[in-house]
Protein backbone atom coordinates (compact mmCIF):
# COMPACT_ATOMS: atom_id res chain seq x y z
CA MET A 1 -8.05 -16.17 18.90
CA ARG A 2 -5.03 -17.62 20.59
CA GLY A 3 -2.27 -15.14 21.25
CA VAL A 4 0.58 -17.65 20.94
CA THR A 5 1.30 -20.86 19.11
CA ARG A 6 1.31 -23.90 21.35
CA PRO A 7 4.64 -25.70 20.99
CA ASN A 8 4.49 -29.08 19.25
CA PRO A 9 7.95 -30.62 19.50
CA GLY A 10 7.13 -33.26 16.93
CA ALA A 11 6.09 -30.82 14.23
CA PRO A 12 8.56 -29.23 11.83
CA GLY A 13 8.96 -25.55 12.45
CA ALA A 14 7.81 -25.77 16.07
CA PRO A 15 9.05 -22.90 18.22
CA VAL A 16 12.09 -23.69 20.32
CA ILE A 17 12.11 -21.83 23.64
CA PRO A 18 15.38 -21.80 25.53
CA ILE A 19 14.93 -22.38 29.24
CA LYS A 20 16.99 -20.78 31.92
CA ALA A 21 17.04 -22.32 35.39
CA VAL A 22 16.41 -19.84 38.15
CA PRO A 23 19.17 -19.97 40.80
CA ALA A 24 18.25 -21.75 44.02
CA ALA A 25 18.67 -18.56 46.01
CA THR A 26 15.84 -16.98 44.07
CA GLY A 27 13.35 -19.76 44.32
CA GLY A 28 14.62 -23.27 43.71
CA ASP A 29 14.33 -25.26 40.52
CA ALA A 30 11.69 -23.13 38.74
CA GLU A 31 12.28 -22.61 35.04
CA GLN A 32 11.73 -19.41 33.14
CA GLY A 33 11.43 -18.90 29.37
CA LEU A 34 13.25 -15.79 28.30
CA PHE A 35 12.65 -15.50 24.56
CA GLU A 36 11.94 -17.50 21.46
CA VAL A 37 14.92 -18.38 19.30
CA ARG A 38 14.09 -18.63 15.65
CA ARG A 39 14.25 -22.03 14.10
CA LYS A 40 14.69 -21.71 10.36
CA ILE A 41 11.61 -22.77 8.43
CA TYR A 42 11.89 -24.72 5.19
CA PRO A 43 8.40 -24.45 3.65
CA ARG A 44 7.50 -27.33 1.42
CA SER A 45 6.31 -26.46 -2.07
CA VAL A 46 2.64 -27.04 -2.68
CA THR A 47 0.30 -26.97 -5.64
CA GLY A 48 -3.41 -26.46 -5.74
CA TRP A 49 -6.20 -24.01 -6.39
CA PHE A 50 -5.10 -21.45 -3.83
CA ALA A 51 -1.42 -21.73 -4.79
CA THR A 52 -2.43 -20.96 -8.39
CA TRP A 53 -4.34 -17.90 -7.23
CA ARG A 54 -1.40 -16.78 -5.13
CA TRP A 55 1.01 -17.03 -8.04
CA ALA A 56 -1.45 -15.28 -10.35
CA LEU A 57 -1.42 -12.32 -7.97
CA VAL A 58 2.37 -12.49 -7.74
CA TRP A 59 2.57 -12.14 -11.51
CA PHE A 60 -0.07 -9.40 -11.60
CA THR A 61 1.47 -7.25 -8.87
CA GLN A 62 5.02 -7.60 -10.17
CA ILE A 63 4.14 -6.90 -13.80
CA LEU A 64 2.33 -3.82 -12.55
CA PHE A 65 5.18 -2.70 -10.27
CA TYR A 66 8.07 -3.34 -12.65
CA GLY A 67 6.26 -2.37 -15.84
CA LEU A 68 4.38 0.79 -14.84
CA PRO A 69 7.44 3.11 -14.74
CA TRP A 70 8.23 2.19 -18.36
CA ALA A 71 4.75 3.04 -19.64
CA ALA A 72 4.56 6.32 -21.57
CA TRP A 73 1.79 8.92 -21.57
CA ASN A 74 1.87 12.19 -23.53
CA ASP A 75 5.61 11.83 -24.20
CA ARG A 76 6.42 11.37 -20.53
CA GLN A 77 6.42 8.63 -17.91
CA ALA A 78 2.85 7.58 -17.19
CA VAL A 79 3.31 7.42 -13.41
CA LEU A 80 5.95 9.74 -11.99
CA PHE A 81 6.20 11.48 -8.62
CA ASP A 82 8.62 14.25 -9.49
CA LEU A 83 9.53 15.60 -6.07
CA GLY A 84 12.08 18.07 -7.44
CA ALA A 85 9.54 19.77 -9.71
CA ARG A 86 6.73 19.15 -7.20
CA LYS A 87 4.59 17.51 -9.87
CA PHE A 88 2.90 14.15 -9.58
CA TYR A 89 1.83 12.52 -12.83
CA ILE A 90 -0.71 9.70 -12.82
CA PHE A 91 -1.58 8.96 -16.44
CA GLY A 92 -3.62 11.97 -17.64
CA LEU A 93 -3.74 13.71 -14.26
CA VAL A 94 -1.20 16.16 -12.90
CA PHE A 95 -1.22 16.81 -9.17
CA TRP A 96 0.60 19.46 -7.20
CA PRO A 97 1.37 19.78 -3.49
CA GLN A 98 -1.84 21.78 -3.15
CA ASP A 99 -3.72 18.59 -4.12
CA PHE A 100 -2.60 16.81 -0.95
CA ILE A 101 -6.26 16.30 -0.03
CA TYR A 102 -6.54 13.62 -2.74
CA LEU A 103 -3.70 11.64 -1.19
CA THR A 104 -5.43 11.93 2.16
CA LEU A 105 -8.67 10.61 0.68
CA LEU A 106 -6.78 7.75 -0.97
CA LEU A 107 -5.21 6.72 2.34
CA VAL A 108 -8.59 6.93 4.10
CA ILE A 109 -10.15 4.73 1.40
CA ALA A 110 -7.31 2.20 1.72
CA ALA A 111 -7.66 2.07 5.51
CA ILE A 112 -11.44 1.62 5.49
CA SER A 113 -11.16 -0.99 2.72
CA LEU A 114 -8.68 -2.91 4.84
CA PHE A 115 -11.08 -2.80 7.80
CA LEU A 116 -13.99 -3.99 5.64
CA PHE A 117 -12.14 -6.79 3.86
CA THR A 118 -10.59 -7.98 7.12
CA ALA A 119 -13.96 -8.06 8.88
CA VAL A 120 -15.42 -10.10 6.01
CA ALA A 121 -12.58 -12.29 4.76
CA GLY A 122 -9.73 -12.09 7.26
CA ARG A 123 -6.14 -11.61 6.11
CA LEU A 124 -6.59 -11.99 2.35
CA TRP A 125 -4.26 -9.04 1.79
CA CYS A 126 -1.50 -10.70 3.83
CA GLY A 127 -1.88 -14.06 2.14
CA TYR A 128 -2.04 -12.98 -1.48
CA ALA A 129 -0.95 -9.39 -2.20
CA CYS A 130 1.19 -8.04 0.63
CA PRO A 131 4.69 -7.16 -0.69
CA GLN A 132 6.29 -9.19 2.10
CA THR A 133 4.30 -12.27 1.05
CA VAL A 134 4.86 -11.68 -2.65
CA TYR A 135 8.62 -11.21 -2.42
CA THR A 136 9.04 -14.06 0.06
CA GLU A 137 7.24 -16.29 -2.43
CA ILE A 138 9.56 -15.16 -5.24
CA PHE A 139 12.71 -15.56 -3.14
CA LEU A 140 11.57 -19.02 -2.01
CA TRP A 141 11.01 -20.01 -5.62
CA ILE A 142 14.57 -18.93 -6.48
CA GLU A 143 15.82 -20.91 -3.48
CA ARG A 144 13.92 -24.03 -4.57
CA VAL A 145 15.23 -23.80 -8.14
CA ILE A 146 18.85 -23.54 -7.00
CA GLU A 147 18.96 -25.61 -3.80
CA GLY A 148 15.99 -27.97 -4.13
CA ASP A 149 12.84 -28.54 -2.08
CA HIS A 150 12.56 -28.31 1.69
CA ASN A 151 14.42 -31.53 2.58
CA ALA A 152 17.29 -30.75 0.22
CA ARG A 153 17.63 -27.23 1.60
CA ALA A 154 17.64 -28.45 5.19
CA LYS A 155 20.33 -31.06 4.41
CA LEU A 156 22.41 -28.50 2.54
CA ASP A 157 22.34 -26.07 5.47
CA ALA A 158 23.30 -28.84 7.89
CA SER A 159 26.18 -30.10 5.75
CA PRO A 160 29.77 -28.82 6.06
CA LEU A 161 30.99 -26.15 3.69
CA THR A 162 32.13 -27.66 0.38
CA GLY A 163 32.69 -26.26 -3.08
CA ARG A 164 29.22 -27.39 -4.15
CA LYS A 165 27.56 -25.79 -1.14
CA PHE A 166 29.47 -22.56 -1.63
CA GLY A 167 28.51 -22.45 -5.31
CA LEU A 168 24.83 -23.04 -4.60
CA LYS A 169 24.75 -20.43 -1.85
CA ALA A 170 26.61 -17.91 -4.00
CA ALA A 171 24.23 -18.48 -6.92
CA LYS A 172 21.19 -18.10 -4.67
CA HIS A 173 22.37 -14.94 -2.96
CA GLY A 174 23.55 -13.52 -6.29
CA ALA A 175 20.08 -14.04 -7.76
CA TRP A 176 18.49 -12.54 -4.65
CA ALA A 177 20.78 -9.50 -4.76
CA ALA A 178 20.11 -8.95 -8.48
CA LEU A 179 16.34 -9.04 -7.96
CA ALA A 180 16.61 -6.82 -4.88
CA PHE A 181 18.74 -4.27 -6.75
CA TRP A 182 16.28 -4.24 -9.66
CA THR A 183 13.45 -3.75 -7.17
CA GLY A 184 15.24 -0.78 -5.60
CA PHE A 185 15.99 0.65 -9.04
CA THR A 186 12.34 0.34 -10.05
CA PHE A 187 11.15 1.93 -6.82
CA VAL A 188 13.39 4.98 -7.35
CA GLY A 189 12.19 5.04 -10.97
CA TYR A 190 8.80 6.20 -9.71
CA PHE A 191 10.45 9.38 -8.40
CA THR A 192 13.20 9.96 -10.97
CA PRO A 193 12.35 9.31 -14.66
CA ILE A 194 13.38 5.70 -15.03
CA LYS A 195 15.02 6.04 -18.45
CA MET A 196 17.17 8.90 -17.18
CA LEU A 197 17.88 6.87 -14.04
CA GLY A 198 18.97 3.91 -16.15
CA GLY A 199 21.38 6.12 -18.09
CA GLU A 200 22.85 7.40 -14.85
CA VAL A 201 23.35 3.85 -13.56
CA LEU A 202 25.09 2.75 -16.76
CA SER A 203 27.33 5.82 -16.78
CA PHE A 204 28.05 5.58 -13.02
CA SER A 205 26.77 9.12 -12.52
CA LEU A 206 23.99 8.49 -9.99
CA GLY A 207 23.26 11.25 -7.54
CA PRO A 208 23.71 10.62 -3.81
CA TRP A 209 20.00 10.40 -3.02
CA GLU A 210 19.21 8.03 -5.90
CA THR A 211 22.13 5.83 -4.87
CA PHE A 212 21.03 5.78 -1.24
CA TRP A 213 17.41 4.85 -1.97
CA ILE A 214 18.25 2.20 -4.57
CA PHE A 215 20.51 0.41 -2.12
CA PHE A 216 18.25 1.07 0.88
CA TYR A 217 15.15 -0.37 -0.79
CA GLY A 218 17.18 -3.17 -2.38
CA PHE A 219 18.73 -4.11 0.95
CA ALA A 220 15.30 -4.02 2.62
CA THR A 221 13.92 -6.38 -0.03
CA TYR A 222 16.91 -8.70 0.25
CA GLY A 223 16.79 -8.78 4.04
CA ASN A 224 13.03 -9.03 4.52
CA ALA A 225 12.28 -11.59 1.81
CA GLY A 226 15.53 -13.54 1.91
CA TRP A 227 16.41 -13.67 5.59
CA MET A 228 13.68 -12.42 7.91
CA ARG A 229 10.64 -13.77 6.06
CA GLU A 230 8.05 -14.89 8.60
CA GLN A 231 9.69 -12.81 11.32
CA VAL A 232 8.43 -9.65 9.59
CA CYS A 233 4.87 -10.96 9.67
CA LYS A 234 5.06 -12.25 13.23
CA TYR A 235 6.96 -9.50 15.00
CA MET A 236 7.39 -6.41 12.84
CA CYS A 237 4.05 -5.98 11.07
CA PRO A 238 1.50 -4.23 13.31
CA TYR A 239 -1.40 -5.65 11.33
CA ALA A 240 -0.89 -9.08 12.89
CA ARG A 241 -1.31 -7.53 16.32
CA PHE A 242 -4.42 -5.43 15.84
CA GLN A 243 -6.28 -7.72 13.44
CA GLY A 244 -8.04 -9.31 16.41
CA ALA A 245 -9.96 -6.09 16.92
CA MET A 246 -11.47 -6.50 13.44
CA PHE A 247 -12.22 -10.22 13.65
CA ASP A 248 -15.46 -11.63 14.98
CA GLY A 249 -17.19 -14.98 14.89
CA ASP A 250 -18.35 -14.47 11.30
CA THR A 251 -14.99 -13.43 9.82
CA LEU A 252 -13.71 -15.83 7.18
CA ILE A 253 -10.60 -17.61 8.45
CA ILE A 254 -8.57 -20.70 7.62
CA ALA A 255 -9.75 -23.32 10.06
CA TYR A 256 -9.21 -26.98 10.89
CA ASP A 257 -12.44 -28.95 11.37
CA GLN A 258 -11.69 -30.51 14.74
CA HIS A 259 -14.97 -32.43 14.94
CA ARG A 260 -14.20 -34.19 11.68
CA GLY A 261 -10.44 -34.55 12.06
CA ASP A 262 -9.94 -35.67 15.66
CA PRO A 263 -8.80 -38.02 17.05
CA ARG A 264 -5.76 -37.82 14.80
CA GLY A 265 -3.63 -40.78 13.83
CA SER A 266 -1.82 -42.47 11.01
CA ARG A 267 -3.43 -45.40 9.21
CA GLY A 268 -3.30 -47.27 5.95
CA LYS A 269 -5.15 -46.05 2.91
CA LYS A 270 -7.60 -48.97 3.03
CA ALA A 271 -8.18 -48.79 6.79
CA ASP A 272 -11.56 -47.74 8.14
CA PRO A 273 -10.94 -44.72 10.43
CA LYS A 274 -14.22 -45.27 12.29
CA ALA A 275 -13.23 -48.80 13.13
CA LEU A 276 -9.94 -47.49 14.49
CA GLY A 277 -11.67 -44.75 16.44
CA LEU A 278 -9.91 -42.05 14.41
CA GLY A 279 -10.98 -38.92 12.59
CA ASP A 280 -10.00 -37.95 9.08
CA CYS A 281 -6.69 -36.29 10.06
CA VAL A 282 -3.87 -38.75 9.34
CA ASP A 283 -1.43 -36.60 11.37
CA CYS A 284 0.95 -36.32 8.40
CA GLY A 285 2.06 -32.82 9.37
CA ILE A 286 1.96 -31.53 5.82
CA CYS A 287 -0.11 -28.53 6.92
CA VAL A 288 2.85 -27.49 9.08
CA GLN A 289 5.45 -28.31 6.45
CA VAL A 290 3.91 -26.00 3.84
CA CYS A 291 3.17 -23.14 6.25
CA PRO A 292 5.46 -20.14 5.61
CA THR A 293 5.23 -19.08 9.28
CA GLY A 294 5.70 -22.62 10.65
CA ILE A 295 2.52 -22.86 12.72
CA ASP A 296 0.15 -25.77 13.16
CA ILE A 297 -3.29 -24.63 12.04
CA ARG A 298 -4.80 -27.54 13.98
CA ASP A 299 -4.03 -25.64 17.18
CA GLY A 300 -6.69 -23.10 16.26
CA LEU A 301 -6.67 -19.53 15.01
CA GLN A 302 -3.33 -17.82 15.67
CA TYR A 303 -2.10 -14.33 14.92
CA GLU A 304 0.86 -15.78 12.98
CA CYS A 305 -1.49 -17.17 10.31
CA ILE A 306 -1.29 -14.91 7.25
CA GLY A 307 -4.19 -16.58 5.44
CA CYS A 308 -2.17 -17.87 2.48
CA ALA A 309 -4.18 -21.15 2.32
CA ALA A 310 -1.09 -23.29 1.63
CA CYS A 311 -2.27 -25.66 4.35
CA ILE A 312 -5.61 -26.05 2.57
CA ASP A 313 -3.92 -27.12 -0.67
CA GLY A 314 -1.58 -29.50 1.17
CA CYS A 315 -4.34 -31.10 3.22
CA ASP A 316 -6.66 -31.45 0.23
CA GLN A 317 -3.96 -33.39 -1.63
CA VAL A 318 -3.63 -35.82 1.30
CA MET A 319 -7.41 -36.19 1.61
CA GLU A 320 -7.64 -36.93 -2.09
CA LYS A 321 -4.95 -39.63 -1.85
CA MET A 322 -6.69 -41.20 1.13
CA GLY A 323 -10.06 -41.16 -0.62
CA TYR A 324 -11.60 -38.77 1.92
CA SER A 325 -13.60 -35.65 1.11
CA LYS A 326 -11.63 -32.42 0.89
CA GLY A 327 -12.10 -29.51 3.23
CA LEU A 328 -10.69 -30.83 6.50
CA ILE A 329 -8.81 -27.52 6.52
CA ARG A 330 -10.81 -24.85 4.72
CA TYR A 331 -11.99 -21.27 4.68
CA SER A 332 -14.77 -21.03 7.23
CA THR A 333 -15.85 -19.01 10.28
CA GLU A 334 -15.91 -19.79 13.96
CA HIS A 335 -19.72 -19.70 13.97
CA ALA A 336 -19.89 -21.98 10.91
CA LEU A 337 -17.63 -24.56 12.54
CA ARG A 338 -19.55 -24.44 15.80
CA GLU A 339 -23.01 -24.53 14.20
CA ASN A 340 -22.06 -26.70 11.20
CA LEU A 341 -23.10 -24.06 8.66
CA GLY A 342 -22.63 -24.51 4.95
CA LEU A 343 -21.50 -22.00 2.31
CA VAL A 344 -24.90 -20.31 2.18
CA GLY A 345 -24.92 -19.83 5.94
CA ILE A 346 -21.41 -18.38 5.88
CA VAL A 347 -22.16 -15.92 3.06
CA SER A 348 -25.46 -14.85 4.63
CA ARG A 349 -23.60 -13.63 7.71
CA PHE A 350 -21.27 -11.40 5.74
CA VAL A 351 -23.98 -8.75 6.03
CA ARG A 352 -23.96 -7.62 9.65
CA PRO A 353 -23.81 -4.27 11.50
CA ARG A 354 -20.01 -4.03 11.41
CA THR A 355 -19.69 -4.69 7.68
CA LEU A 356 -22.66 -2.45 6.89
CA ALA A 357 -21.06 0.41 8.82
CA TYR A 358 -17.71 -0.08 7.04
CA THR A 359 -19.44 -0.29 3.66
CA ALA A 360 -21.47 2.88 4.25
CA ILE A 361 -18.40 4.85 5.35
CA LEU A 362 -16.33 3.51 2.46
CA ALA A 363 -19.03 4.32 -0.10
CA THR A 364 -19.39 7.85 1.28
CA VAL A 365 -15.66 8.54 1.11
CA VAL A 366 -15.33 7.01 -2.38
CA VAL A 367 -18.23 9.08 -3.72
CA ALA A 368 -16.81 12.22 -2.12
CA ALA A 369 -13.35 11.55 -3.56
CA ALA A 370 -14.72 10.78 -7.03
CA THR A 371 -16.90 13.88 -6.99
CA ALA A 372 -14.00 16.07 -5.88
CA LEU A 373 -11.77 14.61 -8.60
CA LEU A 374 -14.38 15.04 -11.34
CA MET A 375 -15.11 18.62 -10.26
CA ARG A 376 -11.42 19.45 -9.92
CA VAL A 377 -10.54 22.59 -11.88
CA PRO A 378 -7.12 22.14 -13.56
CA LEU A 379 -6.27 25.78 -12.91
CA LYS A 380 -5.21 27.27 -9.62
CA VAL A 381 -4.84 30.97 -8.90
CA ASP A 382 -3.53 32.67 -5.78
CA VAL A 383 -4.03 36.44 -5.54
CA ILE A 384 -1.59 38.35 -3.34
CA ARG A 385 -1.78 42.10 -3.01
CA ASP A 386 1.58 43.79 -3.39
CA ARG A 387 2.12 45.21 0.08
CA GLY A 388 5.22 47.06 -1.08
CA ALA A 389 3.15 49.34 -3.30
CA MET A 390 0.48 51.45 -1.62
CA VAL A 391 -2.60 52.58 -3.43
CA ARG A 392 -1.63 55.37 -5.75
CA GLU A 393 -3.40 57.93 -7.88
CA VAL A 394 -2.54 57.86 -11.59
CA GLU A 395 -3.61 59.81 -14.65
CA ASP A 396 -7.25 60.77 -15.14
CA GLY A 397 -7.78 60.57 -11.38
CA GLU A 398 -7.82 56.77 -11.32
CA LEU A 399 -6.68 54.76 -8.32
CA GLU A 400 -4.33 51.81 -8.85
CA ASN A 401 -3.59 48.69 -6.80
CA VAL A 402 -0.91 46.16 -7.74
CA TYR A 403 -1.36 42.41 -7.24
CA ARG A 404 0.70 39.29 -7.86
CA LEU A 405 -1.14 36.38 -9.44
CA GLN A 406 0.39 32.94 -8.90
CA VAL A 407 -1.14 30.93 -11.75
CA MET A 408 -0.82 27.16 -12.00
CA ASN A 409 -1.79 25.33 -15.18
CA ALA A 410 -2.47 21.77 -13.99
CA THR A 411 -3.24 20.42 -17.48
CA GLU A 412 -0.82 18.91 -19.94
CA SER A 413 -1.73 21.43 -22.63
CA ALA A 414 -0.57 25.00 -23.10
CA HIS A 415 -3.30 27.57 -22.48
CA ARG A 416 -3.88 31.26 -23.00
CA TYR A 417 -5.78 32.87 -20.16
CA ARG A 418 -7.55 36.20 -19.88
CA ILE A 419 -7.52 38.14 -16.62
CA THR A 420 -10.70 40.01 -15.71
CA VAL A 421 -11.87 41.95 -12.67
CA GLU A 422 -15.35 42.83 -11.38
CA GLY A 423 -17.12 43.94 -8.26
CA LEU A 424 -16.94 47.75 -8.58
CA PRO A 425 -18.28 50.07 -11.29
CA GLY A 426 -15.61 51.04 -13.82
CA ILE A 427 -12.88 48.79 -12.40
CA ARG A 428 -10.54 47.37 -15.01
CA VAL A 429 -7.25 45.54 -15.59
CA ALA A 430 -4.63 48.11 -16.59
CA SER A 431 -1.78 45.67 -17.29
CA GLU A 432 -1.67 43.08 -20.08
CA PRO A 433 -4.89 41.07 -19.59
CA VAL A 434 -3.74 38.00 -21.56
CA ILE A 435 -1.15 35.53 -20.26
CA ASP A 436 0.30 32.38 -21.84
CA MET A 437 1.01 29.29 -19.75
CA ALA A 438 2.98 26.23 -20.78
CA ALA A 439 1.66 22.76 -19.98
CA ALA A 440 1.90 21.72 -16.32
CA SER A 441 3.59 24.93 -15.28
CA THR A 442 3.30 27.65 -12.69
CA ARG A 443 4.17 31.33 -13.03
CA ALA A 444 3.71 34.60 -11.17
CA PHE A 445 2.31 37.65 -12.97
CA PRO A 446 2.10 41.26 -11.73
CA VAL A 447 -1.36 42.70 -12.36
CA ARG A 448 -2.32 46.37 -12.12
CA ILE A 449 -5.98 47.11 -11.43
CA ARG A 450 -7.46 50.61 -11.67
CA LEU A 451 -10.66 52.18 -10.42
CA PRO A 452 -12.03 55.64 -11.33
CA GLY A 453 -11.60 57.88 -8.28
CA ALA A 454 -15.21 59.00 -8.50
CA GLN A 455 -16.37 55.39 -8.05
CA SER A 456 -14.39 54.81 -4.89
CA SER A 457 -16.22 54.86 -1.57
CA GLY A 458 -12.92 54.83 0.28
CA GLY A 459 -11.28 52.19 2.46
CA SER A 460 -11.26 48.47 1.71
CA GLN A 461 -13.59 47.26 -1.04
CA LYS A 462 -14.18 43.69 -2.15
CA ILE A 463 -13.48 42.75 -5.78
CA PHE A 464 -13.21 39.51 -7.79
CA ILE A 465 -10.35 38.63 -10.11
CA GLY A 466 -11.10 36.02 -12.76
CA VAL A 467 -8.77 33.92 -14.93
CA THR A 468 -10.47 32.27 -17.92
CA ALA A 469 -9.07 30.04 -20.68
CA GLU A 470 -9.59 31.53 -24.14
CA ASP A 471 -9.69 28.20 -25.99
CA GLY A 472 -13.31 27.48 -25.07
CA SER A 473 -12.41 24.67 -22.66
CA GLY A 474 -14.49 26.29 -19.94
CA ILE A 475 -11.61 26.41 -17.48
CA GLN A 476 -12.19 29.35 -15.18
CA VAL A 477 -11.22 30.46 -11.67
CA ARG A 478 -12.67 33.40 -9.74
CA GLU A 479 -10.81 34.61 -6.66
CA LYS A 480 -11.78 37.21 -4.08
CA ALA A 481 -9.45 40.16 -3.43
CA VAL A 482 -9.49 43.58 -1.76
CA PHE A 483 -9.08 46.94 -3.49
CA LEU A 484 -7.74 49.69 -1.24
CA SER A 485 -8.43 53.39 -1.81
CA PRO A 486 -8.03 56.63 0.25
CA ARG A 487 -10.72 57.25 2.82
CA LYS A 488 -13.05 60.17 2.25
CA ASP A 489 -11.61 61.94 5.30
CA GLY A 490 -8.30 62.25 3.44
CA ASN A 491 -6.48 59.42 5.24
CA ARG A 492 -5.22 56.56 3.13
CA ALA A 493 -6.31 53.06 3.84
CA PRO A 494 -3.62 50.97 5.48
């Protein structure tokens, strides 16, 4: 993999590197490149099989993102991360901060999946589903609708400021800002009920934190997708930098078939390229014109390539017009290009030690997460002995300990629970043994437990406190605790 794009002054979007002459006192006429100045890229619109797939995923991801907060479930928002109440609703599941392990497992699954998919198919995530790619595609579409295609946009930017130019720019940035604000509003709607949030926006009664995050996320969307675009992928995203560690010779990449395409050169449609000593590449530059990061894929694999396949669609259109076979630029692997392998040869090499290891680890973590989620008991109980009340002797010679039960009902139904205790002969619950819990709630209950003095062996004794649902749902939790009683030598247990 090449670490940098080789400059091609004749290609649109080629990097422009300012040169600073080193003073003669420091070494003569040597030149030194300091940094790369961005040259604005005007990607040309393209149609084709991969462009259709890309837009299908744009629609899917955005319908999911913008629509999910409005979906209802059990008279509440279907997906809501209520940080204030410390409850996280995902359809029929209710998670609490104590369920942080599930978030950890989800992040581990996402990371391993990324490693596996990258090892097999390269940067598919970047090219089709990454938010930066998706929103850049949407913002570019808005720009094309208002200002025109790539040539019209370039001419408009180069022209002096007129009323028409100002109107077009204002309309474009107004549409961008509206979409960015709606994106920020939707994002905050995952943490504050979106209908309540909408009412606050309309009544100008937003809280400070909601206001901050709506504008912060909206500004980030506007800046990243409208202004920075490929700069985020090339310089800010760490994935572009460490992807090389996950690539190998059998990773699916977008590649230019140099053996078929070179030597490059323009020619007429009816000309015989073999007679002219040329390959199939007509050197039209359309692969560069449609590239959102402005690279020339013919220079080889580069870290700036996000795998969007726009160059494949553009090149295939040219090949079709010239009467040549498609696939001069295509999804392939380095080994396939070098050894002239077909589709079967490419697919057969997907199974290799690296992918097998990733698959085994991913399957193990997924099974473990699914098992933990299926076996998850929607009732949590913490038993804390009341250290402010020592063991005391009550009527009939019984000994009493006081505990505080922190009970959490993690279901969306109200439940009645019965408190039981076991572990010592004659031990019983002296306080009210039945408690009522509202749906998705947590409460603390004082519990008094007594033991006949004759049954006490003195000191610290292990007991078990159980909390069982009385509705026959089978929900039950059994927690270990310690019952303290006076020692037989007359000293009380600490």
